[in-house]
Amino acid sequence: MAHPKRRHSATRGRKRRTHYKLTPPNVVDCPHCHSPRLPHHVCTQCGYYNGRQVIDQAEA
């Protein structure tokens, strides 16, 4: 197994970790009720997905 002969500097480790970051979730408006929702997910407010009602909010 590989074993480093010399210690890497802190800068070198930090340069490698520059891409370790979180990205905010992409939020879009529901075309039916205009509330925020995740893309390709059923709207939690009205229960619509792809132009048709999938979940009846009266039961939920």
N, C-alpha and C. Protein backbone atom coordinates (compact mmCIF):
# COMPACT_ATOMS: atom_id res chain seq x y z
N MET A 1 0.84 -1.17 0.00
CA MET A 1 0.00 0.00 0.00
C MET A 1 0.89 1.24 0.00
N ALA A 2 0.43 2.28 -0.69
CA ALA A 2 1.23 3.49 -0.81
C ALA A 2 1.34 4.18 0.54
N HIS A 3 2.55 4.69 0.81
CA HIS A 3 2.81 5.38 2.07
C HIS A 3 3.62 6.62 1.74
N PRO A 4 3.13 7.82 2.11
CA PRO A 4 3.86 9.03 1.75
C PRO A 4 5.18 9.14 2.50
N LYS A 5 6.22 9.52 1.77
CA LYS A 5 7.54 9.68 2.39
C LYS A 5 7.63 11.02 3.10
N ARG A 6 7.00 12.05 2.51
CA ARG A 6 7.02 13.38 3.10
C ARG A 6 5.58 13.86 3.34
N ARG A 7 5.47 14.75 4.28
CA ARG A 7 4.16 15.28 4.65
C ARG A 7 3.69 16.29 3.60
N HIS A 8 2.38 16.23 3.24
CA HIS A 8 1.82 17.23 2.34
C HIS A 8 1.53 18.49 3.14
N SER A 9 1.72 19.62 2.50
CA SER A 9 1.45 20.89 3.17
C SER A 9 -0.05 21.07 3.32
N ALA A 10 -0.44 21.96 4.25
CA ALA A 10 -1.86 22.26 4.47
C ALA A 10 -2.47 22.89 3.23
N THR A 11 -1.70 23.71 2.52
CA THR A 11 -2.21 24.35 1.31
C THR A 11 -2.55 23.33 0.24
N ARG A 12 -1.70 22.32 0.11
CA ARG A 12 -1.94 21.29 -0.90
C ARG A 12 -3.21 20.50 -0.58
N GLY A 13 -3.42 20.20 0.68
CA GLY A 13 -4.64 19.50 1.07
C GLY A 13 -5.87 20.36 0.87
N ARG A 14 -5.74 21.65 1.18
CA ARG A 14 -6.88 22.56 1.00
C ARG A 14 -7.21 22.77 -0.46
N LYS A 15 -6.21 22.78 -1.33
CA LYS A 15 -6.47 22.90 -2.77
C LYS A 15 -7.25 21.70 -3.28
N ARG A 16 -6.98 20.55 -2.73
CA ARG A 16 -7.70 19.35 -3.13
C ARG A 16 -9.15 19.40 -2.65
N ARG A 17 -9.38 20.01 -1.50
CA ARG A 17 -10.71 20.04 -0.90
C ARG A 17 -11.56 21.23 -1.34
N THR A 18 -11.12 22.03 -2.31
CA THR A 18 -11.89 23.21 -2.70
C THR A 18 -13.23 22.84 -3.32
N HIS A 19 -13.37 21.65 -3.87
CA HIS A 19 -14.61 21.25 -4.52
C HIS A 19 -15.53 20.48 -3.58
N TYR A 20 -15.17 20.32 -2.32
CA TYR A 20 -16.02 19.63 -1.35
C TYR A 20 -16.99 20.63 -0.76
N LYS A 21 -18.02 20.97 -1.50
CA LYS A 21 -18.97 21.93 -0.98
C LYS A 21 -20.40 21.49 -1.32
N LEU A 22 -21.31 21.97 -0.53
CA LEU A 22 -22.72 21.67 -0.75
C LEU A 22 -23.30 22.62 -1.79
N THR A 23 -24.22 22.10 -2.56
CA THR A 23 -24.93 22.94 -3.52
C THR A 23 -26.37 23.10 -3.01
N PRO A 24 -26.94 24.29 -3.10
CA PRO A 24 -28.31 24.47 -2.63
C PRO A 24 -29.28 23.71 -3.53
N PRO A 25 -30.39 23.22 -2.97
CA PRO A 25 -31.35 22.48 -3.80
C PRO A 25 -32.01 23.40 -4.81
N ASN A 26 -32.26 22.85 -5.99
CA ASN A 26 -32.91 23.61 -7.06
C ASN A 26 -34.41 23.59 -6.79
N VAL A 27 -34.97 24.74 -6.53
CA VAL A 27 -36.39 24.85 -6.20
C VAL A 27 -37.10 25.57 -7.35
N VAL A 28 -38.21 24.99 -7.81
CA VAL A 28 -39.00 25.59 -8.87
C VAL A 28 -40.42 25.83 -8.36
N ASP A 29 -41.17 26.65 -9.06
CA ASP A 29 -42.56 26.91 -8.69
C ASP A 29 -43.47 25.86 -9.31
N CYS A 30 -44.45 25.43 -8.55
CA CYS A 30 -45.45 24.49 -9.05
C CYS A 30 -46.31 25.22 -10.08
N PRO A 31 -46.50 24.65 -11.28
CA PRO A 31 -47.30 25.35 -12.28
C PRO A 31 -48.78 25.41 -11.92
N HIS A 32 -49.23 24.58 -10.99
CA HIS A 32 -50.64 24.56 -10.63
C HIS A 32 -50.96 25.55 -9.51
N CYS A 33 -50.20 25.50 -8.39
CA CYS A 33 -50.52 26.35 -7.25
C CYS A 33 -49.43 27.39 -6.96
N HIS A 34 -48.34 27.37 -7.71
CA HIS A 34 -47.24 28.34 -7.62
C HIS A 34 -46.52 28.32 -6.27
N SER A 35 -46.54 27.19 -5.57
CA SER A 35 -45.76 27.07 -4.34
C SER A 35 -44.41 26.43 -4.68
N PRO A 36 -43.37 26.68 -3.90
CA PRO A 36 -42.06 26.10 -4.22
C PRO A 36 -42.05 24.58 -4.02
N ARG A 37 -41.39 23.89 -4.94
CA ARG A 37 -41.26 22.43 -4.86
C ARG A 37 -39.98 22.01 -5.55
N LEU A 38 -39.53 20.79 -5.31
CA LEU A 38 -38.36 20.26 -5.97
C LEU A 38 -38.74 19.77 -7.36
N PRO A 39 -37.87 19.92 -8.35
CA PRO A 39 -38.21 19.44 -9.69
C PRO A 39 -38.34 17.91 -9.71
N HIS A 40 -39.24 17.41 -10.52
CA HIS A 40 -39.52 15.98 -10.68
C HIS A 40 -40.06 15.36 -9.40
N HIS A 41 -40.74 16.16 -8.58
CA HIS A 41 -41.37 15.68 -7.36
C HIS A 41 -42.83 16.14 -7.36
N VAL A 42 -43.67 15.39 -6.67
CA VAL A 42 -45.07 15.78 -6.51
C VAL A 42 -45.13 16.99 -5.60
N CYS A 43 -45.98 17.94 -5.92
CA CYS A 43 -46.14 19.13 -5.10
C CYS A 43 -46.79 18.73 -3.78
N THR A 44 -46.20 19.18 -2.68
CA THR A 44 -46.73 18.82 -1.37
C THR A 44 -47.96 19.63 -0.99
N GLN A 45 -48.19 20.76 -1.66
CA GLN A 45 -49.33 21.60 -1.33
C GLN A 45 -50.60 21.16 -2.05
N CYS A 46 -50.50 20.91 -3.36
CA CYS A 46 -51.70 20.59 -4.13
C CYS A 46 -51.76 19.13 -4.59
N GLY A 47 -50.64 18.42 -4.58
CA GLY A 47 -50.63 17.02 -4.96
C GLY A 47 -50.57 16.77 -6.45
N TYR A 48 -50.24 17.80 -7.24
CA TYR A 48 -50.17 17.65 -8.69
C TYR A 48 -48.76 17.30 -9.13
N TYR A 49 -48.68 16.51 -10.19
CA TYR A 49 -47.40 16.20 -10.84
C TYR A 49 -47.66 16.00 -12.32
N ASN A 50 -46.92 16.69 -13.15
CA ASN A 50 -47.01 16.57 -14.61
C ASN A 50 -48.41 16.89 -15.11
N GLY A 51 -49.06 17.88 -14.51
CA GLY A 51 -50.35 18.33 -14.98
C GLY A 51 -51.55 17.53 -14.52
N ARG A 52 -51.35 16.53 -13.67
CA ARG A 52 -52.50 15.77 -13.18
C ARG A 52 -52.36 15.54 -11.68
N GLN A 53 -53.48 15.35 -11.02
CA GLN A 53 -53.46 15.16 -9.57
C GLN A 53 -53.09 13.72 -9.24
N VAL A 54 -52.03 13.57 -8.48
CA VAL A 54 -51.53 12.25 -8.11
C VAL A 54 -51.94 11.89 -6.71
N ILE A 55 -51.90 12.88 -5.81
CA ILE A 55 -52.26 12.66 -4.40
C ILE A 55 -53.44 13.56 -4.08
N ASP A 56 -54.48 12.96 -3.50
CA ASP A 56 -55.63 13.74 -3.08
C ASP A 56 -55.31 14.35 -1.72
N GLN A 57 -55.22 15.69 -1.66
CA GLN A 57 -54.81 16.37 -0.44
C GLN A 57 -55.90 16.29 0.64
N ALA A 58 -57.16 16.01 0.28
CA ALA A 58 -58.21 15.89 1.26
C ALA A 58 -57.99 14.64 2.12
N GLU A 59 -57.50 13.56 1.51
CA GLU A 59 -57.21 12.33 2.26
C GLU A 59 -55.93 12.47 3.06
N ALA A 60 -54.94 13.15 2.50
CA ALA A 60 -53.65 13.30 3.20
C ALA A 60 -53.75 14.37 4.25
